[in-house]
C-alpha atoms as a PDB file:
ATOM      1  CA  UNK A   1     104.934  -0.605 102.675  1.00  0.00           C
ATOM      2  CA  UNK A   2     101.452   0.830 103.335  1.00  0.00           C
ATOM      3  CA  UNK A   3      99.816  -0.911 100.337  1.00  0.00           C
ATOM      4  CA  UNK A   4      99.975  -4.708 100.156  1.00  0.00           C
ATOM      5  CA  UNK A   5      98.454  -6.711  97.334  1.00  0.00           C
ATOM      6  CA  UNK A   6      98.168 -10.234  96.028  1.00  0.00           C
ATOM      7  CA  UNK A   7      97.502 -11.313  92.481  1.00  0.00           C
ATOM      8  CA  UNK A   8      95.611 -14.489  91.629  1.00  0.00           C
ATOM      9  CA  UNK A   9      96.181 -15.198  87.956  1.00  0.00           C
ATOM     10  CA  UNK A  10      93.881 -18.226  88.039  1.00  0.00           C
ATOM     11  CA  UNK A  11      90.994 -16.117  89.406  1.00  0.00           C
ATOM     12  CA  UNK A  12      92.094 -12.989  87.508  1.00  0.00           C
ATOM     13  CA  UNK A  13      91.774 -11.079  90.765  1.00  0.00           C
ATOM     14  CA  UNK A  14      93.868  -8.530  92.665  1.00  0.00           C
ATOM     15  CA  UNK A  15      93.238  -7.926  96.360  1.00  0.00           C
ATOM     16  CA  UNK A  16      94.938  -4.841  97.833  1.00  0.00           C
ATOM     17  CA  UNK A  17      94.866  -3.499 101.371  1.00  0.00           C
ATOM     18  CA  UNK A  18      96.063  -0.038 102.354  1.00  0.00           C
ATOM     19  CA  UNK A  19      96.872   0.697 105.985  1.00  0.00           C
ATOM     20  CA  UNK A  20      98.352   3.674 107.754  1.00  0.00           C
ATOM     21  CA  UNK A  21      99.702   6.723 105.994  1.00  0.00           C
ATOM     22  CA  UNK A  22      99.415   6.125 102.266  1.00  0.00           C
ATOM     23  CA  UNK A  23     101.119   8.461  99.820  1.00  0.00           C
ATOM     24  CA  UNK A  24     100.597   8.904  96.077  1.00  0.00           C
ATOM     25  CA  UNK A  25     103.961   7.153  95.608  1.00  0.00           C
ATOM     26  CA  UNK A  26     102.583   4.083  97.429  1.00  0.00           C
ATOM     27  CA  UNK A  27      99.610   3.960  95.061  1.00  0.00           C
ATOM     28  CA  UNK A  28     101.925   4.425  92.066  1.00  0.00           C
ATOM     29  CA  UNK A  29     103.956   1.414  93.275  1.00  0.00           C
ATOM     30  CA  UNK A  30     100.730  -0.597  93.410  1.00  0.00           C
ATOM     31  CA  UNK A  31      99.809   0.460  89.847  1.00  0.00           C
ATOM     32  CA  UNK A  32     103.320  -0.387  88.624  1.00  0.00           C
ATOM     33  CA  UNK A  33     103.323  -3.713  90.466  1.00  0.00           C
ATOM     34  CA  UNK A  34     100.058  -4.999  89.085  1.00  0.00           C
ATOM     35  CA  UNK A  35     100.985  -3.758  85.621  1.00  0.00           C
ATOM     36  CA  UNK A  36     104.295  -5.658  85.807  1.00  0.00           C
ATOM     37  CA  UNK A  37     102.360  -8.746  86.952  1.00  0.00           C
ATOM     38  CA  UNK A  38     100.073  -8.458  83.920  1.00  0.00           C
ATOM     39  CA  UNK A  39      97.078  -7.903  86.186  1.00  0.00           C
ATOM     40  CA  UNK A  40      95.855  -4.400  85.305  1.00  0.00           C
ATOM     41  CA  UNK A  41      92.873  -5.907  83.435  1.00  0.00           C
ATOM     42  CA  UNK A  42      91.921  -8.150  86.365  1.00  0.00           C
ATOM     43  CA  UNK A  43      89.059  -7.538  88.769  1.00  0.00           C
ATOM     44  CA  UNK A  44      90.268  -5.695  91.864  1.00  0.00           C
ATOM     45  CA  UNK A  45      89.312  -5.205  95.496  1.00  0.00           C
ATOM     46  CA  UNK A  46      91.000  -2.242  97.140  1.00  0.00           C
ATOM     47  CA  UNK A  47      90.475  -1.942 100.911  1.00  0.00           C
ATOM     48  CA  UNK A  48      91.132   1.587 102.259  1.00  0.00           C
ATOM     49  CA  UNK A  49      89.189   1.589 105.529  1.00  0.00           C
ATOM     50  CA  UNK A  50      92.279   1.759 107.741  1.00  0.00           C
ATOM     51  CA  UNK A  51      93.944   4.770 106.164  1.00  0.00           C
ATOM     52  CA  UNK A  52      93.796   8.203 107.704  1.00  0.00           C
ATOM     53  CA  UNK A  53      93.087  11.088 105.362  1.00  0.00           C
ATOM     54  CA  UNK A  54      96.695  11.159 104.155  1.00  0.00           C
ATOM     55  CA  UNK A  55      95.700  11.669 100.538  1.00  0.00           C
ATOM     56  CA  UNK A  56      94.249  15.092  99.950  1.00  0.00           C
ATOM     57  CA  UNK A  57      91.744  15.898  97.224  1.00  0.00           C
ATOM     58  CA  UNK A  58      94.431  17.040  94.796  1.00  0.00           C
ATOM     59  CA  UNK A  59      96.402  13.793  95.228  1.00  0.00           C
ATOM     60  CA  UNK A  60      93.261  11.694  94.765  1.00  0.00           C
ATOM     61  CA  UNK A  61      92.427  13.549  91.563  1.00  0.00           C
ATOM     62  CA  UNK A  62      95.982  13.052  90.302  1.00  0.00           C
ATOM     63  CA  UNK A  63      95.708   9.307  90.949  1.00  0.00           C
ATOM     64  CA  UNK A  64      92.369   9.298  89.122  1.00  0.00           C
ATOM     65  CA  UNK A  65      94.094  10.892  86.150  1.00  0.00           C
ATOM     66  CA  UNK A  66      96.717   8.141  86.318  1.00  0.00           C
ATOM     67  CA  UNK A  67      93.960   5.532  85.991  1.00  0.00           C
ATOM     68  CA  UNK A  68      92.726   7.351  82.879  1.00  0.00           C
ATOM     69  CA  UNK A  69      96.273   7.125  81.482  1.00  0.00           C
ATOM     70  CA  UNK A  70      96.381   3.364  82.138  1.00  0.00           C
ATOM     71  CA  UNK A  71      92.964   2.954  80.492  1.00  0.00           C
ATOM     72  CA  UNK A  72      94.217   4.726  77.366  1.00  0.00           C
ATOM     73  CA  UNK A  73      97.114   2.290  77.104  1.00  0.00           C
ATOM     74  CA  UNK A  74      95.340  -0.987  77.788  1.00  0.00           C
ATOM     75  CA  UNK A  75      92.381  -2.652  79.413  1.00  0.00           C
ATOM     76  CA  UNK A  76      91.729  -2.028  83.092  1.00  0.00           C
ATOM     77  CA  UNK A  77      89.401  -4.188  85.118  1.00  0.00           C
ATOM     78  CA  UNK A  78      86.526  -3.462  87.448  1.00  0.00           C
ATOM     79  CA  UNK A  79      87.359  -2.260  90.936  1.00  0.00           C
ATOM     80  CA  UNK A  80      85.464  -2.564  94.206  1.00  0.00           C
ATOM     81  CA  UNK A  81      86.698  -0.092  96.798  1.00  0.00           C
ATOM     82  CA  UNK A  82      85.998  -1.040 100.422  1.00  0.00           C
ATOM     83  CA  UNK A  83      85.734   2.047 102.602  1.00  0.00           C
ATOM     84  CA  UNK A  84      83.930   1.392 105.874  1.00  0.00           C
ATOM     85  CA  UNK A  85      84.819   4.647 107.619  1.00  0.00           C
ATOM     86  CA  UNK A  86      83.247   7.960 106.656  1.00  0.00           C
ATOM     87  CA  UNK A  87      86.664   9.487 105.888  1.00  0.00           C
ATOM     88  CA  UNK A  88      87.771   6.621 103.667  1.00  0.00           C
ATOM     89  CA  UNK A  89      84.378   6.609 101.918  1.00  0.00           C
ATOM     90  CA  UNK A  90      84.740  10.325 101.141  1.00  0.00           C
ATOM     91  CA  UNK A  91      88.222   9.688  99.737  1.00  0.00           C
ATOM     92  CA  UNK A  92      86.921   6.842  97.593  1.00  0.00           C
ATOM     93  CA  UNK A  93      84.198   9.079  96.136  1.00  0.00           C
ATOM     94  CA  UNK A  94      86.742  11.770  95.167  1.00  0.00           C
ATOM     95  CA  UNK A  95      88.959   9.162  93.513  1.00  0.00           C
ATOM     96  CA  UNK A  96      86.021   7.551  91.685  1.00  0.00           C
ATOM     97  CA  UNK A  97      84.889  10.925  90.335  1.00  0.00           C
ATOM     98  CA  UNK A  98      88.401  11.644  89.020  1.00  0.00           C
ATOM     99  CA  UNK A  99      88.986   8.155  87.573  1.00  0.00           C
ATOM    100  CA  UNK A 100      86.119   8.139  85.096  1.00  0.00           C
ATOM    101  CA  UNK A 101      86.921   5.450  82.565  1.00  0.00           C
ATOM    102  CA  UNK A 102      84.932   2.735  80.844  1.00  0.00           C
ATOM    103  CA  UNK A 103      84.982   0.072  83.547  1.00  0.00           C
ATOM    104  CA  UNK A 104      82.772  -0.828  86.502  1.00  0.00           C
ATOM    105  CA  UNK A 105      83.719   0.860  89.784  1.00  0.00           C
ATOM    106  CA  UNK A 106      81.739   0.693  93.009  1.00  0.00           C
ATOM    107  CA  UNK A 107      82.341   1.713  96.614  1.00  0.00           C
ATOM    108  CA  UNK A 108      81.252  -0.494  99.489  1.00  0.00           C
ATOM    109  CA  UNK A 109      81.162  -0.279 103.266  1.00  0.00           C
ATOM    110  CA  UNK A 110      81.665  -4.047 103.719  1.00  0.00           C
ATOM    111  CA  UNK A 111      84.166  -6.444 102.166  1.00  0.00           C
ATOM    112  CA  UNK A 112      81.682  -9.262 101.578  1.00  0.00           C
ATOM    113  CA  UNK A 113      79.357  -6.967  99.602  1.00  0.00           C
ATOM    114  CA  UNK A 114      82.308  -5.795  97.508  1.00  0.00           C
ATOM    115  CA  UNK A 115      83.328  -9.374  96.796  1.00  0.00           C
ATOM    116  CA  UNK A 116      79.793 -10.390  95.804  1.00  0.00           C
ATOM    117  CA  UNK A 117      79.572  -7.475  93.376  1.00  0.00           C
ATOM    118  CA  UNK A 118      83.040  -8.146  91.975  1.00  0.00           C
ATOM    119  CA  UNK A 119      82.311 -11.863  91.515  1.00  0.00           C
ATOM    120  CA  UNK A 120      79.315 -10.861  89.373  1.00  0.00           C
ATOM    121  CA  UNK A 121      81.564  -8.859  87.032  1.00  0.00           C
ATOM    122  CA  UNK A 122      82.754 -10.700  83.922  1.00  0.00           C
ATOM    123  CA  UNK A 123      86.311 -11.962  83.784  1.00  0.00           C
ATOM    124  CA  UNK A 124      88.482  -9.919  81.431  1.00  0.00           C
ATOM    125  CA  UNK A 125      88.519 -11.639  78.070  1.00  0.00           C
ATOM    126  CA  UNK A 126      91.829 -10.232  76.846  1.00  0.00           C
ATOM    127  CA  UNK A 127      93.798 -10.866  80.047  1.00  0.00           C
ATOM    128  CA  UNK A 128      96.031 -13.876  79.856  1.00  0.00           C
ATOM    129  CA  UNK A 129      96.699 -15.780  83.054  1.00  0.00           C
ATOM    130  CA  UNK A 130     100.402 -15.853  83.693  1.00  0.00           C
END
């Protein structure tokens, strides 16, 4: 599976790493998995540095629309996207532009900067640790 994630209910944090060829179906599995875990409202780090440009602009926009759908049906938490390569950074910008919802989203070149920013974001008040 090209997208691996862990959920920390005590920290209300999801850490996901994508590697290799990632498809929209892989991202949908991630969305479904964190939703099933009750973690959609948690703060998230999503590392995409080691993915080739498998997701084209149309797919990224479709995934952005999916985030809008999730936001309409419940709280979604802040996300820090880590994209150290130029290609992954460009992909992250397309996704961020398509996923415009009321939640903090930032793109970083380094994991530690992403984590510092995410740690400064408030914990979701309505999310219940499970």
